[in-house]
Amino acid sequence: MKLTKYTHACVRLEKDGHVLVIDPGIFSETEEAFKGAEAILVTHEHADHLDTDKVVAALAADGQLTLHAPATVAAALRKAAPDAAGRITDAAPHSTFEVAGFSVRTFGGQHALIHAQIPMVANIGYLVDGNVYHPGDSLIVPPGIEVRTLLVPIHAPWSKVAEVIDFVNSVRAAKAFQIHDALLNEKGLGFTESHVQRIGGLYGTEFRHLTSRESVEV
């Protein structure tokens, strides 16, 4: 499977001619990520993970494009794109489905706490083909599952470095790459990633930084 990282939290997965895009947000190169895409997975409603205008435009431009998202997000998108309503599906935690030639399992259900005065929203983590795990804005560890490739929310208003390291150590994936990195400058990102790389390595995880538009085989 080919994984291409775009700015912040968006990734594109390609396998056997099929293309799946996860979390096309406002910081990401969504038009490029969408080329040839058959399906979109959205973890939650925040704009850095969902550029509503561009997703609606993509759904209008391609009558075969499908989308899975938490129920509240899916409902809002059906309202924004009524002609595509039949191609927008609710994603619930602890479920499985097939989309665009990929097998998907879902985990979590709730966004990580930012602050008690900031409302909580739904968040779904996606494990694709038993390989790539995109947790969205959460540090939920899939129970009883061997994750091979972990996408690590490296920095967020809702996390601290210790929690990120513990997440990586708990999942113990063979490979890990950063997501959710647009809020740090180069120096801050390097500082945080060095801790994850060093300590995660003690637990068997090879962490590597991906630049925007860089692709790897996983």
N, C-alpha and C. Protein backbone atom coordinates (compact mmCIF):
# COMPACT_ATOMS: atom_id res chain seq x y z
N MET A 1 0.84 -1.19 0.00
CA MET A 1 0.00 0.00 0.00
C MET A 1 0.89 1.25 0.00
N LYS A 2 0.53 2.22 -0.81
CA LYS A 2 1.27 3.47 -0.86
C LYS A 2 0.56 4.51 -0.01
N LEU A 3 1.29 5.13 0.89
CA LEU A 3 0.77 6.17 1.76
C LEU A 3 1.44 7.49 1.40
N THR A 4 0.63 8.50 1.13
CA THR A 4 1.16 9.84 0.87
C THR A 4 0.62 10.78 1.92
N LYS A 5 1.55 11.49 2.58
CA LYS A 5 1.14 12.44 3.61
C LYS A 5 1.02 13.83 3.00
N TYR A 6 -0.06 14.50 3.35
CA TYR A 6 -0.22 15.89 2.99
C TYR A 6 -0.14 16.75 4.25
N THR A 7 -0.10 18.05 4.08
CA THR A 7 0.06 18.94 5.23
C THR A 7 -0.97 18.64 6.31
N HIS A 8 -0.49 18.58 7.54
CA HIS A 8 -1.28 18.37 8.74
C HIS A 8 -1.82 16.94 8.84
N ALA A 9 -3.12 16.73 8.75
CA ALA A 9 -3.69 15.43 9.10
C ALA A 9 -4.19 14.61 7.93
N CYS A 10 -4.00 15.10 6.71
CA CYS A 10 -4.54 14.41 5.54
C CYS A 10 -3.55 13.37 5.00
N VAL A 11 -4.06 12.18 4.71
CA VAL A 11 -3.25 11.15 4.06
C VAL A 11 -4.05 10.54 2.92
N ARG A 12 -3.31 10.05 1.93
CA ARG A 12 -3.90 9.38 0.77
C ARG A 12 -3.32 7.97 0.72
N LEU A 13 -4.19 6.97 0.60
CA LEU A 13 -3.78 5.58 0.53
C LEU A 13 -4.13 5.03 -0.85
N GLU A 14 -3.17 4.31 -1.46
CA GLU A 14 -3.37 3.74 -2.79
C GLU A 14 -3.00 2.26 -2.78
N LYS A 15 -3.87 1.44 -3.39
CA LYS A 15 -3.64 0.00 -3.44
C LYS A 15 -4.40 -0.59 -4.62
N ASP A 16 -3.70 -1.30 -5.48
CA ASP A 16 -4.34 -2.01 -6.60
C ASP A 16 -5.24 -1.10 -7.42
N GLY A 17 -4.81 0.13 -7.62
CA GLY A 17 -5.58 1.07 -8.42
C GLY A 17 -6.68 1.79 -7.67
N HIS A 18 -6.85 1.49 -6.39
CA HIS A 18 -7.87 2.15 -5.57
C HIS A 18 -7.24 3.26 -4.74
N VAL A 19 -8.03 4.30 -4.47
CA VAL A 19 -7.53 5.45 -3.71
C VAL A 19 -8.53 5.83 -2.61
N LEU A 20 -7.99 6.00 -1.41
CA LEU A 20 -8.78 6.37 -0.24
C LEU A 20 -8.10 7.57 0.42
N VAL A 21 -8.87 8.59 0.78
CA VAL A 21 -8.33 9.79 1.41
C VAL A 21 -8.92 9.95 2.81
N ILE A 22 -8.07 10.26 3.78
CA ILE A 22 -8.51 10.46 5.15
C ILE A 22 -8.23 11.89 5.59
N ASP A 23 -9.21 12.54 6.15
CA ASP A 23 -9.13 13.87 6.78
C ASP A 23 -8.56 14.96 5.88
N PRO A 24 -9.28 15.29 4.80
CA PRO A 24 -8.87 16.40 3.93
C PRO A 24 -9.28 17.74 4.55
N GLY A 25 -8.39 18.36 5.30
CA GLY A 25 -8.70 19.58 6.02
C GLY A 25 -8.22 20.84 5.32
N ILE A 26 -8.46 21.99 5.95
CA ILE A 26 -8.17 23.28 5.32
C ILE A 26 -6.68 23.57 5.19
N PHE A 27 -5.83 22.87 5.95
CA PHE A 27 -4.40 23.08 5.83
C PHE A 27 -3.77 22.22 4.73
N SER A 28 -4.53 21.30 4.19
CA SER A 28 -3.99 20.26 3.32
C SER A 28 -4.22 20.55 1.84
N GLU A 29 -3.43 19.88 0.99
CA GLU A 29 -3.54 20.03 -0.45
C GLU A 29 -4.64 19.09 -0.96
N THR A 30 -5.88 19.44 -0.64
CA THR A 30 -6.99 18.50 -0.85
C THR A 30 -7.24 18.18 -2.32
N GLU A 31 -7.15 19.18 -3.19
CA GLU A 31 -7.42 18.91 -4.60
C GLU A 31 -6.46 17.86 -5.14
N GLU A 32 -5.21 17.93 -4.75
CA GLU A 32 -4.23 16.94 -5.18
C GLU A 32 -4.53 15.58 -4.58
N ALA A 33 -4.88 15.57 -3.30
CA ALA A 33 -5.18 14.31 -2.62
C ALA A 33 -6.39 13.61 -3.23
N PHE A 34 -7.35 14.39 -3.73
CA PHE A 34 -8.60 13.84 -4.24
C PHE A 34 -8.48 13.21 -5.63
N LYS A 35 -7.39 13.44 -6.34
CA LYS A 35 -7.28 12.95 -7.72
C LYS A 35 -7.43 11.42 -7.77
N GLY A 36 -8.46 10.95 -8.44
CA GLY A 36 -8.70 9.52 -8.56
C GLY A 36 -9.27 8.86 -7.33
N ALA A 37 -9.58 9.64 -6.30
CA ALA A 37 -10.09 9.06 -5.05
C ALA A 37 -11.48 8.46 -5.25
N GLU A 38 -11.71 7.32 -4.61
CA GLU A 38 -13.02 6.68 -4.65
C GLU A 38 -13.79 6.88 -3.35
N ALA A 39 -13.08 7.18 -2.27
CA ALA A 39 -13.75 7.33 -0.98
C ALA A 39 -12.96 8.26 -0.08
N ILE A 40 -13.69 8.89 0.84
CA ILE A 40 -13.11 9.78 1.84
C ILE A 40 -13.57 9.31 3.22
N LEU A 41 -12.64 9.27 4.16
CA LEU A 41 -12.95 9.02 5.56
C LEU A 41 -12.67 10.30 6.34
N VAL A 42 -13.61 10.70 7.19
CA VAL A 42 -13.45 11.89 8.01
C VAL A 42 -13.53 11.48 9.47
N THR A 43 -12.53 11.86 10.26
CA THR A 43 -12.54 11.47 11.68
C THR A 43 -13.45 12.33 12.52
N HIS A 44 -13.51 13.64 12.22
CA HIS A 44 -14.37 14.53 13.02
C HIS A 44 -14.56 15.85 12.28
N GLU A 45 -15.32 16.74 12.90
CA GLU A 45 -15.83 17.92 12.21
C GLU A 45 -14.89 19.11 12.15
N HIS A 46 -13.82 19.14 12.89
CA HIS A 46 -12.97 20.33 12.93
C HIS A 46 -12.35 20.61 11.55
N ALA A 47 -12.22 21.89 11.25
CA ALA A 47 -11.84 22.30 9.90
C ALA A 47 -10.45 21.83 9.49
N ASP A 48 -9.56 21.61 10.44
CA ASP A 48 -8.24 21.13 10.06
C ASP A 48 -8.26 19.67 9.64
N HIS A 49 -9.42 19.02 9.78
CA HIS A 49 -9.60 17.64 9.33
C HIS A 49 -10.69 17.52 8.24
N LEU A 50 -11.48 18.56 8.09
CA LEU A 50 -12.57 18.54 7.11
C LEU A 50 -12.75 19.92 6.50
N ASP A 51 -12.33 20.07 5.25
CA ASP A 51 -12.60 21.28 4.50
C ASP A 51 -13.94 21.07 3.80
N THR A 52 -15.00 21.53 4.43
CA THR A 52 -16.35 21.23 3.96
C THR A 52 -16.58 21.69 2.52
N ASP A 53 -16.17 22.89 2.19
CA ASP A 53 -16.41 23.41 0.84
C ASP A 53 -15.75 22.53 -0.22
N LYS A 54 -14.51 22.13 0.02
CA LYS A 54 -13.80 21.33 -0.97
C LYS A 54 -14.32 19.90 -1.03
N VAL A 55 -14.75 19.37 0.09
CA VAL A 55 -15.34 18.03 0.09
C VAL A 55 -16.67 18.04 -0.65
N VAL A 56 -17.49 19.03 -0.39
CA VAL A 56 -18.77 19.14 -1.10
C VAL A 56 -18.53 19.28 -2.60
N ALA A 57 -17.54 20.08 -2.98
CA ALA A 57 -17.22 20.26 -4.40
C ALA A 57 -16.75 18.94 -5.02
N ALA A 58 -15.95 18.18 -4.28
CA ALA A 58 -15.47 16.90 -4.79
C ALA A 58 -16.62 15.91 -4.98
N LEU A 59 -17.55 15.90 -4.04
CA LEU A 59 -18.71 15.01 -4.15
C LEU A 59 -19.58 15.39 -5.35
N ALA A 60 -19.69 16.70 -5.61
CA ALA A 60 -20.48 17.15 -6.76
C ALA A 60 -19.80 16.82 -8.08
N ALA A 61 -18.48 16.86 -8.08
CA ALA A 61 -17.72 16.65 -9.32
C ALA A 61 -17.64 15.19 -9.71
N ASP A 62 -17.74 14.29 -8.74
CA ASP A 62 -17.59 12.85 -9.00
C ASP A 62 -18.78 12.11 -8.39
N GLY A 63 -19.66 11.65 -9.23
CA GLY A 63 -20.87 10.97 -8.76
C GLY A 63 -20.64 9.60 -8.17
N GLN A 64 -19.39 9.11 -8.21
CA GLN A 64 -19.07 7.81 -7.63
C GLN A 64 -18.34 7.94 -6.29
N LEU A 65 -17.92 9.13 -5.94
CA LEU A 65 -17.15 9.34 -4.71
C LEU A 65 -18.05 9.15 -3.49
N THR A 66 -17.56 8.36 -2.52
CA THR A 66 -18.33 8.11 -1.30
C THR A 66 -17.58 8.67 -0.10
N LEU A 67 -18.30 8.80 1.02
CA LEU A 67 -17.71 9.39 2.21
C LEU A 67 -18.28 8.73 3.46
N HIS A 68 -17.42 8.48 4.44
CA HIS A 68 -17.83 7.99 5.76
C HIS A 68 -17.37 8.99 6.81
N ALA A 69 -18.24 9.30 7.77
CA ALA A 69 -17.92 10.27 8.81
C ALA A 69 -18.82 10.02 10.01
N PRO A 70 -18.44 10.52 11.19
CA PRO A 70 -19.34 10.42 12.35
C PRO A 70 -20.72 10.98 12.00
N ALA A 71 -21.74 10.47 12.67
CA ALA A 71 -23.13 10.77 12.30
C ALA A 71 -23.42 12.26 12.19
N THR A 72 -22.95 13.05 13.14
CA THR A 72 -23.24 14.49 13.11
C THR A 72 -22.58 15.15 11.90
N VAL A 73 -21.38 14.71 11.57
CA VAL A 73 -20.68 15.25 10.41
C VAL A 73 -21.37 14.82 9.12
N ALA A 74 -21.72 13.55 9.05
CA ALA A 74 -22.41 13.03 7.87
C ALA A 74 -23.72 13.75 7.63
N ALA A 75 -24.46 14.02 8.69
CA ALA A 75 -25.74 14.72 8.55
C ALA A 75 -25.54 16.13 8.00
N ALA A 76 -24.52 16.82 8.49
CA ALA A 76 -24.25 18.18 8.02
C ALA A 76 -23.83 18.16 6.55
N LEU A 77 -23.06 17.16 6.15
CA LEU A 77 -22.62 17.08 4.76
C LEU A 77 -23.78 16.71 3.83
N ARG A 78 -24.70 15.88 4.30
CA ARG A 78 -25.88 15.56 3.48
C ARG A 78 -26.70 16.82 3.22
N LYS A 79 -26.78 17.67 4.22
CA LYS A 79 -27.51 18.93 4.06
C LYS A 79 -26.79 19.86 3.09
N ALA A 80 -25.46 19.87 3.17
CA ALA A 80 -24.67 20.75 2.30
C ALA A 80 -24.58 20.22 0.88
N ALA A 81 -24.69 18.89 0.74
CA ALA A 81 -24.58 18.27 -0.59
C ALA A 81 -25.73 17.29 -0.79
N PRO A 82 -26.96 17.79 -0.92
CA PRO A 82 -28.13 16.90 -1.00
C PRO A 82 -28.08 15.92 -2.17
N ASP A 83 -27.48 16.29 -3.27
CA ASP A 83 -27.41 15.39 -4.42
C ASP A 83 -26.51 14.19 -4.15
N ALA A 84 -25.60 14.33 -3.16
CA ALA A 84 -24.68 13.24 -2.82
C ALA A 84 -25.08 12.53 -1.54
N ALA A 85 -26.26 12.84 -1.00
CA ALA A 85 -26.66 12.32 0.30
C ALA A 85 -26.60 10.79 0.38
N GLY A 86 -26.93 10.13 -0.72
CA GLY A 86 -26.93 8.67 -0.73
C GLY A 86 -25.56 8.06 -0.71
N ARG A 87 -24.54 8.89 -0.91
CA ARG A 87 -23.15 8.40 -0.90
C ARG A 87 -22.41 8.78 0.37
N ILE A 88 -23.13 9.35 1.32
CA ILE A 88 -22.54 9.77 2.60
C ILE A 88 -23.07 8.86 3.71
N THR A 89 -22.17 8.16 4.39
CA THR A 89 -22.54 7.12 5.35
C THR A 89 -22.05 7.46 6.74
N ASP A 90 -22.89 7.18 7.74
CA ASP A 90 -22.49 7.36 9.14
C ASP A 90 -21.42 6.33 9.50
N ALA A 91 -20.39 6.78 10.20
CA ALA A 91 -19.36 5.89 10.74
C ALA A 91 -19.53 5.83 12.25
N ALA A 92 -19.71 4.62 12.76
CA ALA A 92 -19.88 4.42 14.20
C ALA A 92 -18.66 3.69 14.75
N PRO A 93 -18.34 3.91 16.02
CA PRO A 93 -17.19 3.19 16.60
C PRO A 93 -17.43 1.70 16.69
N HIS A 94 -16.36 0.93 16.67
CA HIS A 94 -16.40 -0.52 16.84
C HIS A 94 -17.22 -1.20 15.75
N SER A 95 -16.97 -0.79 14.52
CA SER A 95 -17.65 -1.39 13.38
C SER A 95 -16.63 -1.69 12.29
N THR A 96 -17.07 -2.42 11.27
CA THR A 96 -16.22 -2.73 10.12
C THR A 96 -17.00 -2.48 8.85
N PHE A 97 -16.30 -2.09 7.80
CA PHE A 97 -16.95 -1.93 6.50
C PHE A 97 -15.89 -1.99 5.40
N GLU A 98 -16.34 -2.21 4.18
CA GLU A 98 -15.49 -2.23 3.01
C GLU A 98 -15.78 -0.98 2.18
N VAL A 99 -14.72 -0.33 1.72
CA VAL A 99 -14.91 0.85 0.89
C VAL A 99 -13.71 0.98 -0.06
N ALA A 100 -14.01 1.20 -1.33
CA ALA A 100 -12.98 1.46 -2.34
C ALA A 100 -11.87 0.42 -2.35
N GLY A 101 -12.23 -0.83 -2.11
CA GLY A 101 -11.23 -1.89 -2.13
C GLY A 101 -10.43 -2.02 -0.85
N PHE A 102 -10.78 -1.27 0.17
CA PHE A 102 -10.09 -1.32 1.46
C PHE A 102 -11.04 -1.84 2.54
N SER A 103 -10.47 -2.53 3.52
CA SER A 103 -11.22 -2.98 4.69
C SER A 103 -10.94 -2.00 5.83
N VAL A 104 -12.00 -1.54 6.49
CA VAL A 104 -11.86 -0.50 7.51
C VAL A 104 -12.50 -0.95 8.83
N ARG A 105 -11.77 -0.76 9.93
CA ARG A 105 -12.31 -0.94 11.28
C ARG A 105 -12.28 0.39 11.99
N THR A 106 -13.27 0.64 12.85
CA THR A 106 -13.38 1.93 13.52
C THR A 106 -13.21 1.79 15.02
N PHE A 107 -12.65 2.85 15.62
CA PHE A 107 -12.38 2.85 17.05
C PHE A 107 -12.67 4.23 17.64
N GLY A 108 -12.80 4.27 18.95
CA GLY A 108 -12.96 5.54 19.65
C GLY A 108 -14.41 5.97 19.74
N GLY A 109 -14.69 7.18 19.29
CA GLY A 109 -16.03 7.73 19.36
C GLY A 109 -16.05 9.15 19.87
N GLN A 110 -14.98 9.57 20.56
CA GLN A 110 -14.97 10.87 21.20
C GLN A 110 -13.64 11.59 20.97
N HIS A 111 -13.72 12.86 20.65
CA HIS A 111 -12.55 13.70 20.50
C HIS A 111 -11.86 13.86 21.86
N ALA A 112 -10.55 13.98 21.86
CA ALA A 112 -9.82 14.22 23.10
C ALA A 112 -10.27 15.55 23.72
N LEU A 113 -10.21 15.62 25.04
CA LEU A 113 -10.63 16.82 25.75
C LEU A 113 -9.64 17.96 25.51
N ILE A 114 -10.17 19.08 25.04
CA ILE A 114 -9.36 20.29 24.88
C ILE A 114 -9.45 21.13 26.15
N HIS A 115 -10.67 21.39 26.58
CA HIS A 115 -10.93 22.15 27.81
C HIS A 115 -12.38 21.90 28.20
N ALA A 116 -12.64 21.96 29.51
CA ALA A 116 -13.99 21.68 30.00
C ALA A 116 -15.03 22.63 29.42
N GLN A 117 -14.61 23.82 28.99
CA GLN A 117 -15.55 24.79 28.44
C GLN A 117 -15.65 24.75 26.92
N ILE A 118 -14.94 23.80 26.32
CA ILE A 118 -15.03 23.60 24.87
C ILE A 118 -15.82 22.31 24.62
N PRO A 119 -16.94 22.38 23.93
CA PRO A 119 -17.79 21.19 23.74
C PRO A 119 -17.03 20.03 23.09
N MET A 120 -17.32 18.84 23.57
CA MET A 120 -16.75 17.63 23.00
C MET A 120 -17.48 17.28 21.70
N VAL A 121 -16.76 16.75 20.73
CA VAL A 121 -17.38 16.31 19.48
C VAL A 121 -17.02 14.85 19.23
N ALA A 122 -17.76 14.24 18.33
CA ALA A 122 -17.48 12.84 17.97
C ALA A 122 -16.18 12.75 17.19
N ASN A 123 -15.47 11.65 17.38
CA ASN A 123 -14.23 11.38 16.64
C ASN A 123 -14.12 9.87 16.42
N ILE A 124 -13.87 9.49 15.18
CA ILE A 124 -13.72 8.09 14.83
C ILE A 124 -12.30 7.85 14.31
N GLY A 125 -11.61 6.87 14.90
CA GLY A 125 -10.32 6.45 14.38
C GLY A 125 -10.51 5.32 13.39
N TYR A 126 -9.72 5.31 12.31
CA TYR A 126 -9.86 4.32 11.26
C TYR A 126 -8.60 3.47 11.12
N LEU A 127 -8.77 2.14 11.14
CA LEU A 127 -7.70 1.20 10.85
C LEU A 127 -7.97 0.61 9.47
N VAL A 128 -7.08 0.86 8.53
CA VAL A 128 -7.30 0.47 7.14
C VAL A 128 -6.47 -0.77 6.81
N ASP A 129 -7.16 -1.80 6.34
CA ASP A 129 -6.53 -3.07 5.95
C ASP A 129 -5.69 -3.67 7.07
N GLY A 130 -6.08 -3.45 8.30
CA GLY A 130 -5.33 -3.98 9.43
C GLY A 130 -3.91 -3.46 9.48
N ASN A 131 -3.65 -2.34 8.83
CA ASN A 131 -2.30 -1.84 8.64
C ASN A 131 -2.16 -0.41 9.15
N VAL A 132 -2.81 0.56 8.48
CA VAL A 132 -2.64 1.97 8.78
C VAL A 132 -3.73 2.45 9.73
N TYR A 133 -3.32 3.01 10.87
CA TYR A 133 -4.27 3.52 11.86
C TYR A 133 -4.17 5.03 11.94
N HIS A 134 -5.27 5.70 11.60
CA HIS A 134 -5.40 7.15 11.71
C HIS A 134 -6.37 7.42 12.86
N PRO A 135 -5.89 7.93 14.01
CA PRO A 135 -6.76 8.09 15.17
C PRO A 135 -7.56 9.37 15.19
N GLY A 136 -7.34 10.27 14.19
CA GLY A 136 -7.98 11.57 14.27
C GLY A 136 -7.44 12.33 15.47
N ASP A 137 -8.32 13.06 16.15
CA ASP A 137 -7.91 13.81 17.34
C ASP A 137 -8.22 13.01 18.60
N SER A 138 -7.49 11.93 18.76
CA SER A 138 -7.61 11.11 19.96
C SER A 138 -6.35 10.28 20.08
N LEU A 139 -6.17 9.71 21.25
CA LEU A 139 -5.04 8.80 21.48
C LEU A 139 -5.59 7.44 21.91
N ILE A 140 -6.66 7.01 21.25
CA ILE A 140 -7.29 5.73 21.54
C ILE A 140 -6.44 4.60 20.95
N VAL A 141 -6.09 3.64 21.80
CA VAL A 141 -5.32 2.47 21.37
C VAL A 141 -6.29 1.37 20.96
N PRO A 142 -6.23 0.88 19.74
CA PRO A 142 -7.14 -0.21 19.33
C PRO A 142 -6.89 -1.45 20.19
N PRO A 143 -7.90 -1.95 20.88
CA PRO A 143 -7.69 -3.09 21.79
C PRO A 143 -7.52 -4.40 21.04
N GLY A 144 -6.49 -5.14 21.42
CA GLY A 144 -6.29 -6.47 20.87
C GLY A 144 -5.94 -6.51 19.41
N ILE A 145 -5.46 -5.40 18.85
CA ILE A 145 -5.17 -5.30 17.42
C ILE A 145 -3.70 -5.00 17.22
N GLU A 146 -3.08 -5.69 16.28
CA GLU A 146 -1.70 -5.38 15.92
C GLU A 146 -1.70 -4.36 14.79
N VAL A 147 -1.37 -3.13 15.12
CA VAL A 147 -1.28 -2.06 14.13
C VAL A 147 0.12 -2.09 13.54
N ARG A 148 0.22 -2.09 12.22
CA ARG A 148 1.54 -2.12 11.58
C ARG A 148 2.09 -0.72 11.31
N THR A 149 1.19 0.21 10.96
CA THR A 149 1.61 1.57 10.63
C THR A 149 0.75 2.57 11.40
N LEU A 150 1.39 3.35 12.27
CA LEU A 150 0.66 4.29 13.12
C LEU A 150 0.88 5.71 12.64
N LEU A 151 -0.20 6.45 12.50
CA LEU A 151 -0.14 7.88 12.23
C LEU A 151 -0.29 8.61 13.56
N VAL A 152 0.73 9.36 13.93
CA VAL A 152 0.82 9.92 15.29
C VAL A 152 0.44 11.40 15.29
N PRO A 153 -0.62 11.79 16.01
CA PRO A 153 -0.90 13.22 16.18
C PRO A 153 0.22 13.82 17.05
N ILE A 154 1.18 14.43 16.39
CA ILE A 154 2.43 14.78 17.07
C ILE A 154 2.28 15.99 17.99
N HIS A 155 1.30 16.85 17.69
CA HIS A 155 1.09 18.04 18.51
C HIS A 155 -0.34 18.52 18.34
N ALA A 156 -0.96 18.92 19.46
CA ALA A 156 -2.34 19.41 19.41
C ALA A 156 -2.64 20.22 20.66
N PRO A 157 -3.65 21.08 20.63
CA PRO A 157 -4.05 21.82 21.82
C PRO A 157 -4.54 20.91 22.95
N TRP A 158 -4.84 19.66 22.61
CA TRP A 158 -5.41 18.73 23.59
C TRP A 158 -4.40 17.72 24.11
N SER A 159 -3.12 17.82 23.74
CA SER A 159 -2.17 16.79 24.14
C SER A 159 -0.88 17.39 24.68
N LYS A 160 -0.07 16.55 25.29
CA LYS A 160 1.28 16.93 25.68
C LYS A 160 2.23 15.82 25.23
N VAL A 161 3.51 16.11 25.19
CA VAL A 161 4.48 15.18 24.64
C VAL A 161 4.44 13.83 25.34
N ALA A 162 4.31 13.82 26.67
CA ALA A 162 4.28 12.57 27.41
C ALA A 162 3.15 11.67 26.95
N GLU A 163 1.99 12.25 26.67
CA GLU A 163 0.84 11.47 26.22
C GLU A 163 1.08 10.90 24.83
N VAL A 164 1.70 11.69 23.97
CA VAL A 164 1.99 11.21 22.62
C VAL A 164 2.97 10.04 22.67
N ILE A 165 4.01 10.16 23.49
CA ILE A 165 4.98 9.07 23.63
C ILE A 165 4.31 7.82 24.17
N ASP A 166 3.48 7.98 25.20
CA ASP A 166 2.79 6.81 25.77
C ASP A 166 1.87 6.15 24.75
N PHE A 167 1.24 6.95 23.90
CA PHE A 167 0.38 6.42 22.84
C PHE A 167 1.18 5.55 21.88
N VAL A 168 2.32 6.07 21.43
CA VAL A 168 3.18 5.31 20.52
C VAL A 168 3.66 4.03 21.18
N ASN A 169 4.07 4.12 22.43
CA ASN A 169 4.57 2.95 23.15
C ASN A 169 3.48 1.91 23.37
N SER A 170 2.24 2.36 23.56
CA SER A 170 1.13 1.44 23.81
C SER A 170 0.69 0.72 22.54
N VAL A 171 0.68 1.43 21.41
CA VAL A 171 0.26 0.80 20.15
C VAL A 171 1.34 -0.16 19.66
N ARG A 172 2.62 0.23 19.80
CA ARG A 172 3.76 -0.60 19.41
C ARG A 172 3.71 -1.04 17.95
N ALA A 173 3.37 -0.11 17.09
CA ALA A 173 3.41 -0.40 15.65
C ALA A 173 4.85 -0.50 15.18
N ALA A 174 5.07 -1.27 14.13
CA ALA A 174 6.42 -1.39 13.59
C ALA A 174 6.90 -0.07 13.01
N LYS A 175 5.98 0.67 12.36
CA LYS A 175 6.33 1.94 11.75
C LYS A 175 5.38 3.03 12.25
N ALA A 176 5.88 4.24 12.33
CA ALA A 176 5.04 5.37 12.72
C ALA A 176 5.49 6.62 11.98
N PHE A 177 4.51 7.44 11.60
CA PHE A 177 4.77 8.70 10.92
C PHE A 177 3.89 9.77 11.55
N GLN A 178 4.34 11.01 11.49
CA GLN A 178 3.61 12.08 12.15
C GLN A 178 2.46 12.61 11.30
N ILE A 179 1.38 12.99 11.98
CA ILE A 179 0.32 13.81 11.42
C ILE A 179 0.04 14.92 12.44
N HIS A 180 -0.88 15.80 12.12
CA HIS A 180 -1.29 16.89 13.02
C HIS A 180 -0.07 17.72 13.44
N ASP A 181 0.69 18.17 12.44
CA ASP A 181 1.96 18.83 12.70
C ASP A 181 2.01 20.28 12.21
N ALA A 182 0.88 20.83 11.73
CA ALA A 182 0.91 22.16 11.12
C ALA A 182 0.99 23.29 12.14
N LEU A 183 0.79 22.98 13.42
CA LEU A 183 0.79 24.03 14.43
C LEU A 183 2.16 24.24 15.07
N LEU A 184 3.17 23.48 14.65
CA LEU A 184 4.52 23.62 15.16
C LEU A 184 5.45 24.14 14.08
N ASN A 185 6.40 24.99 14.46
CA ASN A 185 7.43 25.36 13.50
C ASN A 185 8.46 24.24 13.41
N GLU A 186 9.42 24.41 12.52
CA GLU A 186 10.39 23.33 12.26
C GLU A 186 11.18 22.95 13.51
N LYS A 187 11.58 23.93 14.30
CA LYS A 187 12.36 23.65 15.50
C LYS A 187 11.52 22.89 16.54
N GLY A 188 10.31 23.34 16.76
CA GLY A 188 9.45 22.67 17.73
C GLY A 188 9.09 21.26 17.31
N LEU A 189 8.86 21.08 16.01
CA LEU A 189 8.52 19.76 15.50
C LEU A 189 9.70 18.80 15.67
N GLY A 190 10.89 19.26 15.35
CA GLY A 190 12.06 18.41 15.49
C GLY A 190 12.31 18.02 16.94
N PHE A 191 12.09 18.95 17.85
CA PHE A 191 12.26 18.67 19.28
C PHE A 191 11.31 17.57 19.75
N THR A 192 10.03 17.72 19.40
CA THR A 192 9.03 16.74 19.82
C THR A 192 9.25 15.39 19.16
N GLU A 193 9.53 15.40 17.88
CA GLU A 193 9.73 14.13 17.17
C GLU A 193 10.95 13.37 17.66
N SER A 194 11.97 14.08 18.11
CA SER A 194 13.16 13.39 18.61
C SER A 194 12.84 12.55 19.83
N HIS A 195 11.96 13.03 20.69
CA HIS A 195 11.55 12.26 21.87
C HIS A 195 10.75 11.02 21.44
N VAL A 196 9.82 11.21 20.52
CA VAL A 196 9.00 10.09 20.06
C VAL A 196 9.87 9.04 19.37
N GLN A 197 10.80 9.49 18.56
CA GLN A 197 11.68 8.57 17.84
C GLN A 197 12.56 7.78 18.81
N ARG A 198 13.16 8.47 19.76
CA ARG A 198 14.09 7.81 20.68
C ARG A 198 13.38 6.85 21.63
N ILE A 199 12.33 7.31 22.28
CA ILE A 199 11.66 6.47 23.28
C ILE A 199 10.80 5.41 22.60
N GLY A 200 10.14 5.77 21.51
CA GLY A 200 9.36 4.78 20.78
C GLY A 200 10.22 3.65 20.27
N GLY A 201 11.46 3.97 19.89
CA GLY A 201 12.38 2.94 19.42
C GLY A 201 12.68 1.90 20.47
N LEU A 202 12.65 2.28 21.74
CA LEU A 202 12.89 1.33 22.82
C LEU A 202 11.79 0.28 22.89
N TYR A 203 10.62 0.62 22.35
CA TYR A 203 9.46 -0.29 22.38
C TYR A 203 9.18 -0.90 21.02
N GLY A 204 10.14 -0.78 20.10
CA GLY A 204 10.03 -1.47 18.82
C GLY A 204 9.39 -0.69 17.70
N THR A 205 9.16 0.63 17.88
CA THR A 205 8.53 1.43 16.84
C THR A 205 9.57 2.30 16.14
N GLU A 206 9.63 2.16 14.82
CA GLU A 206 10.51 3.01 14.01
C GLU A 206 9.72 4.23 13.57
N PHE A 207 10.03 5.37 14.17
CA PHE A 207 9.33 6.61 13.83
C PHE A 207 10.15 7.40 12.82
N ARG A 208 9.45 7.91 11.78
CA ARG A 208 10.12 8.72 10.77
C ARG A 208 9.25 9.88 10.35
N HIS A 209 9.87 11.02 10.15
CA HIS A 209 9.15 12.21 9.69
C HIS A 209 8.89 12.13 8.19
N LEU A 210 7.67 12.48 7.80
CA LEU A 210 7.32 12.59 6.38
C LEU A 210 7.05 14.05 6.05
N THR A 211 7.65 14.53 4.97
CA THR A 211 7.33 15.87 4.51
C THR A 211 6.02 15.84 3.72
N SER A 212 5.43 17.00 3.54
CA SER A 212 4.19 17.06 2.77
C SER A 212 4.42 16.58 1.35
N ARG A 213 3.53 15.72 0.87
CA ARG A 213 3.55 15.10 -0.44
C ARG A 213 4.53 13.93 -0.54
N GLU A 214 5.21 13.61 0.54
CA GLU A 214 6.11 12.45 0.52
C GLU A 214 5.31 11.16 0.62
N SER A 215 5.75 10.14 -0.13
CA SER A 215 5.06 8.86 -0.14
C SER A 215 5.98 7.75 0.36
N VAL A 216 5.37 6.74 0.99
CA VAL A 216 6.09 5.56 1.45
C VAL A 216 5.24 4.33 1.20
N GLU A 217 5.88 3.18 1.05
CA GLU A 217 5.18 1.91 0.96
C GLU A 217 5.05 1.34 2.38
N VAL A 218 3.86 0.94 2.74
CA VAL A 218 3.62 0.41 4.09
C VAL A 218 2.90 -0.94 4.00
